[in-house]
Amino acid sequence: MGVLRRIRRLRRRDAVLLWQALGAVLLARAHLWRGAHGDLRRLIEAHPIPDPALPASRADLAEVAWSVRNAARLVPGATCLTQASAGQLLLARRGLATTIRLSVPAQAAAPGRLAPHAWLMAGDIIVLGGTAEDYTRHRTLHDFTLPGART
């Protein structure tokens, strides 16, 4: 079944979420492909976070995670960093503070091979990037936190 046919079968709200996520994934992918990570950060950080202490609802997090994961399947090269950036942008548009956490596995799969990974976190909740079990096997390198976000 074609992608467009499957999208047409979605409820209207889900289709809108998917199209918004596709736009965010394409935007993030284009910036990262061009090496314009700083421009992407400024774009995300331009969204005001009215109350950083306000926790994101599980429904908001689940909607964004679902839409970004599915939109990323349509974009070649939509890596974990692309997905985390797109998710952070979508949640920032909703006024929700999140953190992109870059990490590496605590134990390398092969000597001399670095395998960095990006996670989207809302407080201590993993929104995108993998499971809690996966996360425990990683060491944090750097956080890209929206102003006011809890880490």
Protein backbone atom coordinates (compact mmCIF):
# COMPACT_ATOMS: atom_id res chain seq x y z
CA MET A 1 0.00 0.00 0.00
CA GLY A 2 1.39 3.40 -0.94
CA VAL A 3 2.53 5.93 1.62
CA LEU A 4 -0.05 8.51 0.55
CA ARG A 5 -2.85 5.97 0.79
CA ARG A 6 -1.77 5.06 4.32
CA ILE A 7 -1.62 8.73 5.29
CA ARG A 8 -5.13 9.28 3.92
CA ARG A 9 -6.38 6.47 6.15
CA LEU A 10 -5.10 8.23 9.28
CA ARG A 11 -7.38 10.28 11.47
CA ARG A 12 -7.16 13.94 10.53
CA ARG A 13 -5.22 14.88 13.68
CA ASP A 14 -2.66 12.11 13.12
CA ALA A 15 -2.21 13.13 9.49
CA VAL A 16 -1.59 16.75 10.53
CA LEU A 17 0.93 15.61 13.16
CA LEU A 18 2.70 13.46 10.59
CA TRP A 19 2.92 16.32 8.05
CA GLN A 20 4.25 18.69 10.73
CA ALA A 21 6.83 16.12 11.75
CA LEU A 22 7.82 15.52 8.13
CA GLY A 23 8.47 19.25 7.75
CA ALA A 24 10.53 19.31 10.95
CA VAL A 25 12.53 16.21 9.97
CA LEU A 26 13.26 17.64 6.51
CA LEU A 27 14.30 20.97 8.04
CA ALA A 28 16.59 19.32 10.58
CA ARG A 29 18.04 16.96 7.97
CA ALA A 30 18.79 19.83 5.57
CA HIS A 31 20.53 21.88 8.27
CA LEU A 32 22.61 18.95 9.47
CA TRP A 33 23.49 17.91 5.90
CA ARG A 34 24.75 21.45 5.23
CA GLY A 35 26.72 21.46 8.46
CA ALA A 36 24.59 24.30 9.79
CA HIS A 37 24.06 22.87 13.27
CA GLY A 38 24.36 26.32 14.84
CA ASP A 39 21.60 27.67 12.60
CA LEU A 40 19.38 24.73 13.56
CA ARG A 41 20.02 25.35 17.28
CA ARG A 42 19.10 29.03 16.89
CA LEU A 43 15.92 28.07 15.03
CA ILE A 44 14.89 25.68 17.82
CA GLU A 45 15.90 28.06 20.61
CA ALA A 46 13.91 30.93 19.05
CA HIS A 47 10.70 29.40 20.42
CA PRO A 48 9.85 30.80 23.84
CA ILE A 49 9.37 28.37 26.69
CA PRO A 50 6.87 30.22 28.91
CA ASP A 51 7.13 27.96 31.95
CA PRO A 52 10.20 25.67 31.88
CA ALA A 53 9.08 24.03 35.13
CA LEU A 54 5.86 22.85 33.49
CA PRO A 55 6.37 19.17 32.65
CA ALA A 56 5.31 17.98 29.22
CA SER A 57 2.30 15.70 29.20
CA ARG A 58 2.88 12.09 28.26
CA ALA A 59 0.34 12.60 25.46
CA ASP A 60 2.39 15.46 23.93
CA LEU A 61 5.57 13.41 24.16
CA ALA A 62 3.93 10.31 22.66
CA GLU A 63 2.41 12.28 19.77
CA VAL A 64 5.71 13.89 18.86
CA ALA A 65 7.66 10.63 19.22
CA TRP A 66 5.17 8.76 17.02
CA SER A 67 5.05 11.46 14.36
CA VAL A 68 8.84 11.97 14.18
CA ARG A 69 9.62 8.24 14.07
CA ASN A 70 7.15 7.72 11.23
CA ALA A 71 8.15 10.85 9.30
CA ALA A 72 11.83 9.89 9.60
CA ARG A 73 11.10 6.66 7.74
CA LEU A 74 10.30 8.83 4.70
CA VAL A 75 13.53 10.88 4.82
CA PRO A 76 16.81 9.29 3.75
CA GLY A 77 19.57 9.83 6.30
CA ALA A 78 17.22 10.85 9.11
CA THR A 79 19.62 9.83 11.86
CA CYS A 80 19.05 9.90 15.60
CA LEU A 81 20.33 13.50 15.71
CA THR A 82 17.95 14.50 12.93
CA GLN A 83 15.05 12.90 14.78
CA ALA A 84 16.00 14.37 18.17
CA SER A 85 16.35 17.84 16.63
CA ALA A 86 13.01 17.57 14.84
CA GLY A 87 11.32 16.38 18.03
CA GLN A 88 12.86 19.18 20.05
CA LEU A 89 11.66 21.72 17.48
CA LEU A 90 8.10 20.36 17.54
CA LEU A 91 7.98 20.35 21.34
CA ALA A 92 9.53 23.85 21.52
CA ARG A 93 6.73 25.04 19.22
CA ARG A 94 4.33 23.76 21.89
CA GLY A 95 6.27 25.73 24.53
CA LEU A 96 7.83 22.62 26.07
CA ALA A 97 11.44 22.45 27.21
CA THR A 98 13.52 19.41 26.26
CA THR A 99 17.16 18.37 26.02
CA ILE A 100 19.06 16.66 23.24
CA ARG A 101 21.64 14.46 24.92
CA LEU A 102 24.62 13.19 22.93
CA SER A 103 26.22 10.03 24.24
CA VAL A 104 28.46 7.14 23.35
CA PRO A 105 28.20 3.50 24.39
CA ALA A 106 30.05 2.85 27.66
CA GLN A 107 31.75 -0.08 25.94
CA ALA A 108 32.71 0.33 22.29
CA ALA A 109 31.49 -2.37 19.91
CA ALA A 110 34.97 -2.46 18.36
CA PRO A 111 38.23 -0.87 19.52
CA GLY A 112 38.70 2.63 18.13
CA ARG A 113 35.13 2.92 16.82
CA LEU A 114 33.11 5.80 18.17
CA ALA A 115 29.35 5.33 17.88
CA PRO A 116 27.71 8.56 19.09
CA HIS A 117 23.97 8.64 19.67
CA ALA A 118 21.37 11.36 20.24
CA TRP A 119 18.48 11.16 22.68
CA LEU A 120 15.58 13.55 23.12
CA MET A 121 14.80 13.92 26.81
CA ALA A 122 11.96 15.67 28.60
CA GLY A 123 13.23 15.79 32.16
CA ASP A 124 14.10 12.15 32.85
CA ILE A 125 11.75 10.77 30.17
CA ILE A 126 13.27 9.42 26.96
CA VAL A 127 11.15 10.79 24.11
CA LEU A 128 13.27 9.58 21.19
CA GLY A 129 16.46 7.58 20.89
CA GLY A 130 15.79 4.16 22.35
CA THR A 131 14.82 2.35 25.50
CA ALA A 132 15.78 3.03 29.11
CA GLU A 133 17.88 -0.14 28.97
CA ASP A 134 19.78 1.19 25.94
CA TYR A 135 20.26 4.50 27.71
CA THR A 136 21.90 2.89 30.76
CA ARG A 137 24.62 1.51 28.50
CA HIS A 138 25.63 5.02 27.32
CA ARG A 139 27.81 7.81 28.70
CA THR A 140 26.78 11.41 28.21
CA LEU A 141 29.02 13.64 26.10
CA HIS A 142 26.99 16.86 25.84
CA ASP A 143 23.50 18.25 26.37
CA PHE A 144 21.75 20.75 24.10
CA THR A 145 19.23 22.12 26.54
CA LEU A 146 16.61 24.69 25.73
CA PRO A 147 16.84 27.67 28.06
CA GLY A 148 15.10 26.74 31.27
CA ALA A 149 14.83 23.01 30.56
CA ARG A 150 15.30 20.60 33.46
CA THR A 151 18.21 18.19 33.00
